[in-house]
Amino acid sequence: MVTPFRYTASAAQVFFGSGSLNRLAEAIAGQGGKRALILSTPHQKAEVERIAASLGPLAAGLFHDATMHTPVDVTERAMAAYNAAGADCVVAIGGGSTIGLGKAIAYRNDAPQIVVATTYAGSEVTPILGQTENGQKTTVRGPGILPEVVIYDPELTLGLPVNISVSSGLNAMAHALEGLYAQDRNPISSMMAVEGLRALKQALPQIVNAPGDIEPRSEALYGSWLCGTVLGAVGMALHHKLCHTLGGSFDLPHAETHAVILPHSAAYNAVAAADALKPAADLFGGSLGSSLYDFAASIGAPLALRDLGMKEADLDRAAELAARNPYWNPRPIEREAIRALLQSAWEGSRPR
């Protein structure tokens, strides 16, 4: 018998497939937009300027300073740019940093959001905003944070560097894996989680071998959409708490940190959530933490926090912060056990 559950579907509209970028003007107009502020990181400035030029007067202004972990001071500058441009919506073109900035603007002024996703972050389909202020990253959740429209055009990901593709894909997989044992999981979210994991497990090694092949790029975007949708439908637990702590308080890179922590957080919860994680264990084979570690190593993912700039002397403080006000987790959050997990992740050793 199916256990009673509640499932809330995402209200976002999705355009998926090669050439979908051509529907950006339609998407803006569909939200009643006439003057969009276009957002990006400095790295994507040139590409985004070309896209903005194709929109004509629909592009009211550009803001190129989207920054990892969504610092509040950057959001305040973007809000000033939004008002100066007389904008009535935002278009975020990029990955998690840019999408986060669009969410932060919408959180403050309820602007309609259109996202053109160019990585596998998955955050474009969640009603969750993580923002950083005074050295701490906090999250807020609400329907107004969810972007109204998402465009997935795999042609835009053909130039995504392999190392970023790998880290971004593992970041998305972390959403799905944690969704499998979420306290409020349901059969629909679990089905999407397993399918998202399957798609990315298949696509990422192919992208490593042939980055310009459109088929695995399309499969990876499909998987990231599913994984992000799972994160948007259920609650977060230990894995995301650790990554938010390491990113917000120690300025570690977002996707790479998710990639390093994933095998260790899976191993931490493997026994307590054995039944919920069984589909993932069957997919990867053997012990889930070790299997994920081997998978990450096989595609060249980062494996050690020390390689991301984390200092060993900061591990005690990180464990303290992670154990403070913890998210719900299937296994109790024990400070000493978390400290041991972080030591293994810092060294890049196989999960214990």
Protein backbone atom coordinates (compact mmCIF):
# COMPACT_ATOMS: atom_id res chain seq x y z
CA MET A 1 0.00 0.00 0.00
CA VAL A 2 1.26 3.47 -0.84
CA THR A 3 1.93 5.52 2.29
CA PRO A 4 -0.20 8.70 2.44
CA PHE A 5 1.75 11.73 1.28
CA ARG A 6 1.51 15.34 0.16
CA TYR A 7 3.21 16.52 -3.03
CA THR A 8 3.33 20.14 -4.23
CA ALA A 9 4.31 20.50 -7.89
CA SER A 10 6.55 23.33 -9.00
CA ALA A 11 4.64 26.09 -10.76
CA ALA A 12 7.57 26.96 -13.01
CA GLN A 13 7.20 26.81 -16.78
CA VAL A 14 10.01 24.96 -18.56
CA PHE A 15 11.27 25.27 -22.15
CA PHE A 16 13.62 22.36 -22.85
CA GLY A 17 15.67 21.44 -25.91
CA SER A 18 18.18 22.69 -28.45
CA GLY A 19 17.26 26.15 -29.70
CA SER A 20 15.09 26.94 -26.69
CA LEU A 21 17.02 30.17 -26.15
CA ASN A 22 15.10 31.53 -29.12
CA ARG A 23 12.01 31.57 -26.89
CA LEU A 24 13.52 33.98 -24.37
CA ALA A 25 11.64 37.03 -25.73
CA GLU A 26 8.43 35.01 -25.65
CA ALA A 27 9.14 34.00 -22.06
CA ILE A 28 9.71 37.61 -20.97
CA ALA A 29 6.52 38.77 -22.67
CA GLY A 30 4.64 35.85 -21.15
CA GLN A 31 5.40 37.25 -17.72
CA GLY A 32 4.17 40.68 -18.74
CA GLY A 33 7.73 41.94 -18.94
CA LYS A 34 8.77 44.84 -21.14
CA ARG A 35 12.09 45.86 -19.55
CA ALA A 36 14.29 43.05 -18.23
CA LEU A 37 17.44 43.45 -16.16
CA ILE A 38 19.84 40.81 -17.50
CA LEU A 39 22.07 39.17 -14.87
CA SER A 40 25.32 37.25 -15.23
CA THR A 41 28.75 36.72 -13.71
CA PRO A 42 31.72 38.70 -15.04
CA HIS A 43 32.92 35.49 -16.73
CA GLN A 44 29.84 35.30 -18.96
CA LYS A 45 29.66 39.02 -19.75
CA ALA A 46 30.45 38.78 -23.47
CA GLU A 47 28.03 35.92 -24.16
CA VAL A 48 25.25 37.60 -22.20
CA GLU A 49 25.77 40.90 -24.01
CA ARG A 50 25.17 39.08 -27.30
CA ILE A 51 21.96 37.56 -25.95
CA ALA A 52 20.82 40.93 -24.60
CA ALA A 53 21.44 42.57 -27.98
CA SER A 54 19.13 40.01 -29.60
CA LEU A 55 16.32 41.08 -27.24
CA GLY A 56 16.34 44.71 -28.40
CA PRO A 57 14.34 47.04 -26.11
CA LEU A 58 13.29 44.10 -23.91
CA ALA A 59 16.77 44.27 -22.38
CA ALA A 60 16.66 47.38 -20.18
CA GLY A 61 20.03 46.88 -18.53
CA LEU A 62 22.78 44.44 -17.61
CA PHE A 63 24.35 43.56 -14.27
CA HIS A 64 27.47 41.40 -14.55
CA ASP A 65 28.59 41.08 -10.94
CA ALA A 66 26.70 38.00 -9.75
CA THR A 67 28.86 36.39 -7.06
CA MET A 68 29.07 32.98 -5.45
CA HIS A 69 27.04 32.49 -2.23
CA THR A 70 24.90 35.58 -3.05
CA PRO A 71 26.47 38.28 -0.82
CA VAL A 72 23.84 40.75 0.36
CA ASP A 73 25.94 43.77 -0.62
CA VAL A 74 26.00 42.55 -4.25
CA THR A 75 22.23 42.11 -4.14
CA GLU A 76 21.85 45.69 -2.93
CA ARG A 77 23.89 46.93 -5.91
CA ALA A 78 21.81 44.82 -8.27
CA MET A 79 18.62 46.25 -6.76
CA ALA A 80 19.93 49.73 -7.46
CA ALA A 81 20.65 48.72 -11.08
CA TYR A 82 17.13 47.25 -11.38
CA ASN A 83 15.53 50.48 -10.21
CA ALA A 84 17.81 52.70 -12.30
CA ALA A 85 16.93 50.72 -15.43
CA GLY A 86 13.21 50.92 -14.75
CA ALA A 87 13.13 47.12 -15.04
CA ASP A 88 9.99 45.06 -14.51
CA CYS A 89 11.56 41.56 -14.49
CA VAL A 90 14.93 39.81 -14.29
CA VAL A 91 16.59 37.37 -16.66
CA ALA A 92 19.32 35.30 -15.00
CA ILE A 93 21.69 33.70 -17.50
CA GLY A 94 24.15 31.27 -15.94
CA GLY A 95 24.46 28.91 -13.00
CA GLY A 96 23.88 29.02 -9.28
CA SER A 97 25.54 32.39 -8.58
CA THR A 98 23.49 34.26 -11.16
CA ILE A 99 20.28 32.38 -10.39
CA GLY A 100 20.79 33.13 -6.70
CA LEU A 101 21.07 36.84 -7.46
CA GLY A 102 17.83 36.77 -9.46
CA LYS A 103 16.10 35.05 -6.55
CA ALA A 104 17.50 37.59 -4.10
CA ILE A 105 16.06 40.44 -6.18
CA ALA A 106 12.68 38.73 -6.49
CA TYR A 107 12.67 38.02 -2.76
CA ARG A 108 12.88 41.77 -2.16
CA ASN A 109 10.63 43.18 -4.89
CA ASP A 110 8.63 40.19 -6.25
CA ALA A 111 10.03 40.67 -9.75
CA PRO A 112 9.15 37.89 -12.23
CA GLN A 113 12.20 35.73 -12.96
CA ILE A 114 13.22 34.03 -16.18
CA VAL A 115 16.26 31.76 -15.93
CA VAL A 116 18.45 30.55 -18.78
CA ALA A 117 20.33 27.70 -17.09
CA THR A 118 23.87 27.11 -18.40
CA THR A 119 25.14 24.71 -15.72
CA TYR A 120 23.69 21.71 -13.87
CA ALA A 121 23.13 23.50 -10.54
CA GLY A 122 19.42 22.73 -10.32
CA SER A 123 18.72 25.77 -8.16
CA GLU A 124 16.64 27.33 -10.93
CA VAL A 125 13.69 25.09 -9.98
CA THR A 126 13.79 25.54 -6.21
CA PRO A 127 12.00 28.09 -4.00
CA ILE A 128 15.16 28.33 -1.88
CA LEU A 129 17.51 31.31 -1.57
CA GLY A 130 20.86 31.06 0.18
CA GLN A 131 22.49 34.40 0.89
CA THR A 132 25.58 35.45 2.80
CA GLU A 133 26.05 38.33 5.19
CA ASN A 134 28.60 38.91 7.96
CA GLY A 135 30.35 35.64 7.15
CA GLN A 136 27.32 33.39 7.53
CA LYS A 137 25.12 31.83 4.89
CA THR A 138 21.44 31.49 5.68
CA THR A 139 18.57 30.14 3.62
CA VAL A 140 15.02 31.31 3.15
CA ARG A 141 12.25 29.48 1.35
CA GLY A 142 9.01 30.69 -0.21
CA PRO A 143 6.94 30.52 -3.38
CA GLY A 144 7.98 34.04 -4.43
CA ILE A 145 11.61 32.89 -4.69
CA LEU A 146 10.88 30.24 -7.34
CA PRO A 147 11.66 31.48 -10.89
CA GLU A 148 8.57 31.61 -13.09
CA VAL A 149 10.22 30.34 -16.30
CA VAL A 150 13.31 28.20 -16.93
CA ILE A 151 14.94 27.72 -20.33
CA TYR A 152 17.19 24.68 -20.79
CA ASP A 153 19.07 24.85 -24.07
CA PRO A 154 21.85 22.21 -24.16
CA GLU A 155 23.63 24.13 -26.92
CA LEU A 156 24.51 26.75 -24.29
CA THR A 157 26.33 24.12 -22.22
CA LEU A 158 28.61 22.84 -24.98
CA GLY A 159 31.31 25.31 -23.91
CA LEU A 160 30.97 24.59 -20.19
CA PRO A 161 34.43 23.42 -19.09
CA VAL A 162 34.62 19.75 -18.16
CA ASN A 163 35.74 20.40 -14.59
CA ILE A 164 32.80 22.74 -13.99
CA SER A 165 30.43 20.30 -15.70
CA VAL A 166 31.57 17.54 -13.36
CA SER A 167 31.32 19.59 -10.16
CA SER A 168 28.00 21.10 -11.17
CA GLY A 169 26.58 17.68 -12.02
CA LEU A 170 27.63 16.24 -8.66
CA ASN A 171 26.08 19.29 -6.99
CA ALA A 172 22.77 18.39 -8.64
CA MET A 173 23.15 14.73 -7.68
CA ALA A 174 23.54 15.79 -4.05
CA HIS A 175 20.07 17.39 -4.21
CA ALA A 176 18.55 14.12 -5.38
CA LEU A 177 20.43 11.90 -2.97
CA GLU A 178 19.44 13.99 0.01
CA GLY A 179 15.88 14.07 -1.31
CA LEU A 180 15.72 10.29 -1.09
CA TYR A 181 15.92 10.35 2.71
CA ALA A 182 14.23 13.70 3.31
CA GLN A 183 11.75 13.68 6.16
CA ASP A 184 8.96 14.88 3.84
CA ARG A 185 9.87 12.73 0.83
CA ASN A 186 7.10 11.14 -1.22
CA PRO A 187 6.88 8.59 -4.06
CA ILE A 188 6.94 11.30 -6.73
CA SER A 189 10.01 13.10 -5.40
CA SER A 190 11.83 9.77 -4.92
CA MET A 191 10.99 8.68 -8.47
CA MET A 192 12.38 11.94 -9.85
CA ALA A 193 15.46 11.64 -7.63
CA VAL A 194 16.37 8.19 -8.91
CA GLU A 195 15.78 9.20 -12.53
CA GLY A 196 17.87 12.35 -12.06
CA LEU A 197 20.71 10.34 -10.54
CA ARG A 198 20.52 7.83 -13.38
CA ALA A 199 20.65 10.52 -16.05
CA LEU A 200 23.65 12.29 -14.54
CA LYS A 201 25.49 9.03 -13.78
CA GLN A 202 25.17 8.19 -17.45
CA ALA A 203 25.89 11.66 -18.85
CA LEU A 204 28.85 12.92 -16.84
CA PRO A 205 31.41 10.30 -17.94
CA GLN A 206 30.33 10.87 -21.55
CA ILE A 207 30.78 14.64 -21.16
CA VAL A 208 34.29 14.06 -19.80
CA ASN A 209 35.14 11.99 -22.88
CA ALA A 210 33.33 14.15 -25.45
CA PRO A 211 32.47 17.63 -24.10
CA GLY A 212 31.10 18.77 -27.44
CA ASP A 213 28.57 15.95 -27.81
CA ILE A 214 25.06 17.41 -27.55
CA GLU A 215 23.37 14.18 -26.42
CA PRO A 216 25.02 13.80 -22.99
CA ARG A 217 24.76 17.56 -22.52
CA SER A 218 21.01 17.25 -23.03
CA GLU A 219 20.83 14.24 -20.70
CA ALA A 220 22.74 16.11 -18.00
CA LEU A 221 20.40 19.11 -18.19
CA TYR A 222 17.42 16.76 -17.96
CA GLY A 223 18.95 15.12 -14.89
CA SER A 224 19.79 18.43 -13.23
CA TRP A 225 16.24 19.66 -13.75
CA LEU A 226 14.90 16.55 -12.00
CA CYS A 227 17.42 16.77 -9.17
CA GLY A 228 16.68 20.45 -8.62
CA THR A 229 12.96 19.80 -8.65
CA VAL A 230 13.45 17.24 -5.90
CA LEU A 231 15.30 19.79 -3.78
CA GLY A 232 12.46 22.23 -4.33
CA ALA A 233 9.86 19.69 -3.23
CA VAL A 234 11.38 18.36 0.00
CA GLY A 235 13.55 19.49 2.89
CA MET A 236 17.33 19.56 3.17
CA ALA A 237 19.48 17.70 5.68
CA LEU A 238 23.10 17.21 6.73
CA HIS A 239 24.70 17.46 3.30
CA HIS A 240 23.33 20.91 2.54
CA LYS A 241 23.97 22.15 6.08
CA LEU A 242 27.65 21.21 5.72
CA CYS A 243 27.97 22.82 2.30
CA HIS A 244 26.23 26.00 3.42
CA THR A 245 28.58 26.20 6.39
CA LEU A 246 31.71 25.61 4.34
CA GLY A 247 30.63 28.00 1.60
CA GLY A 248 29.19 30.80 3.69
CA SER A 249 31.73 30.85 6.51
CA PHE A 250 34.91 29.69 4.75
CA ASP A 251 34.20 30.94 1.21
CA LEU A 252 34.75 27.56 -0.42
CA PRO A 253 33.49 27.20 -4.01
CA HIS A 254 29.88 26.05 -4.09
CA ALA A 255 29.70 23.20 -6.60
CA GLU A 256 33.16 21.82 -5.81
CA THR A 257 32.29 21.70 -2.11
CA HIS A 258 29.12 19.73 -2.88
CA ALA A 259 31.20 17.35 -4.99
CA VAL A 260 33.71 16.70 -2.20
CA ILE A 261 31.14 16.33 0.59
CA LEU A 262 28.64 14.10 -1.27
CA PRO A 263 30.34 10.68 -0.70
CA HIS A 264 30.95 11.53 2.97
CA SER A 265 27.43 12.74 3.76
CA ALA A 266 26.03 9.67 1.99
CA ALA A 267 28.26 7.40 4.06
CA TYR A 268 27.27 9.22 7.28
CA ASN A 269 23.58 8.51 6.63
CA ALA A 270 23.98 5.14 4.88
CA VAL A 271 22.87 2.98 7.81
CA ALA A 272 20.22 5.27 9.29
CA ALA A 273 18.59 5.75 5.87
CA ALA A 274 19.42 2.38 4.32
CA ASP A 275 15.93 1.68 2.97
CA ALA A 276 15.47 5.14 1.46
CA LEU A 277 18.93 5.09 -0.11
CA LYS A 278 18.65 1.56 -1.52
CA PRO A 279 17.69 2.73 -5.06
CA ALA A 280 20.81 4.88 -5.18
CA ALA A 281 22.97 2.09 -3.72
CA ASP A 282 21.61 -0.28 -6.39
CA LEU A 283 22.37 2.30 -9.09
CA PHE A 284 25.98 2.87 -8.04
CA GLY A 285 26.64 -0.57 -6.58
CA GLY A 286 28.20 -1.62 -3.29
CA SER A 287 28.64 0.72 -0.35
CA LEU A 288 27.05 4.01 -1.43
CA GLY A 289 29.64 6.37 0.06
CA SER A 290 32.57 4.44 -1.42
CA SER A 291 30.79 4.00 -4.76
CA LEU A 292 30.12 7.72 -5.04
CA TYR A 293 33.74 8.41 -4.11
CA ASP A 294 34.95 6.09 -6.87
CA PHE A 295 32.50 7.60 -9.38
CA ALA A 296 33.67 11.12 -8.54
CA ALA A 297 37.31 10.08 -8.86
CA SER A 298 36.67 8.39 -12.21
CA ILE A 299 35.37 11.63 -13.75
CA GLY A 300 38.08 13.83 -12.27
CA ALA A 301 36.00 15.55 -9.60
CA PRO A 302 37.68 17.30 -6.67
CA LEU A 303 37.99 14.94 -3.69
CA ALA A 304 39.60 16.97 -0.91
CA LEU A 305 38.56 20.15 0.89
CA ARG A 306 42.21 21.09 1.31
CA ASP A 307 42.48 21.36 -2.47
CA LEU A 308 39.67 23.93 -2.37
CA GLY A 309 41.54 26.13 0.10
CA MET A 310 40.14 24.84 3.39
CA LYS A 311 42.61 25.03 6.28
CA GLU A 312 42.87 22.05 8.60
CA ALA A 313 42.94 24.46 11.54
CA ASP A 314 39.40 25.58 10.61
CA LEU A 315 37.83 22.10 10.78
CA ASP A 316 36.95 22.39 14.49
CA ARG A 317 35.08 25.63 13.90
CA ALA A 318 33.35 24.19 10.84
CA ALA A 319 32.14 21.20 12.86
CA GLU A 320 30.90 23.51 15.58
CA LEU A 321 28.96 25.66 13.11
CA ALA A 322 27.51 22.64 11.30
CA ALA A 323 26.29 21.07 14.53
CA ARG A 324 24.68 24.34 15.65
CA ASN A 325 20.99 24.66 14.69
CA PRO A 326 21.21 21.55 12.49
CA TYR A 327 18.71 20.67 9.78
CA TRP A 328 16.66 17.51 10.36
CA ASN A 329 18.75 14.45 9.46
CA PRO A 330 18.06 10.68 9.58
CA ARG A 331 21.12 10.18 11.78
CA PRO A 332 21.63 12.52 14.74
CA ILE A 333 24.10 15.33 14.10
CA GLU A 334 26.91 14.54 16.52
CA ARG A 335 29.68 17.10 16.73
CA GLU A 336 32.54 14.59 17.02
CA ALA A 337 31.19 12.45 14.17
CA ILE A 338 30.87 15.56 11.99
CA ARG A 339 34.43 16.54 12.88
CA ALA A 340 35.61 13.09 11.74
CA LEU A 341 33.60 13.40 8.51
CA LEU A 342 35.21 16.77 7.78
CA GLN A 343 38.68 15.36 8.47
CA SER A 344 38.15 12.63 5.86
CA ALA A 345 36.74 15.15 3.39
CA TRP A 346 39.65 17.50 4.01
CA GLU A 347 42.18 14.73 3.39
CA GLY A 348 40.29 13.41 0.38
CA SER A 349 40.28 9.92 1.81
CA ARG A 350 37.66 7.26 1.20
CA PRO A 351 34.52 7.81 3.35
CA ARG A 352 34.63 6.02 6.70
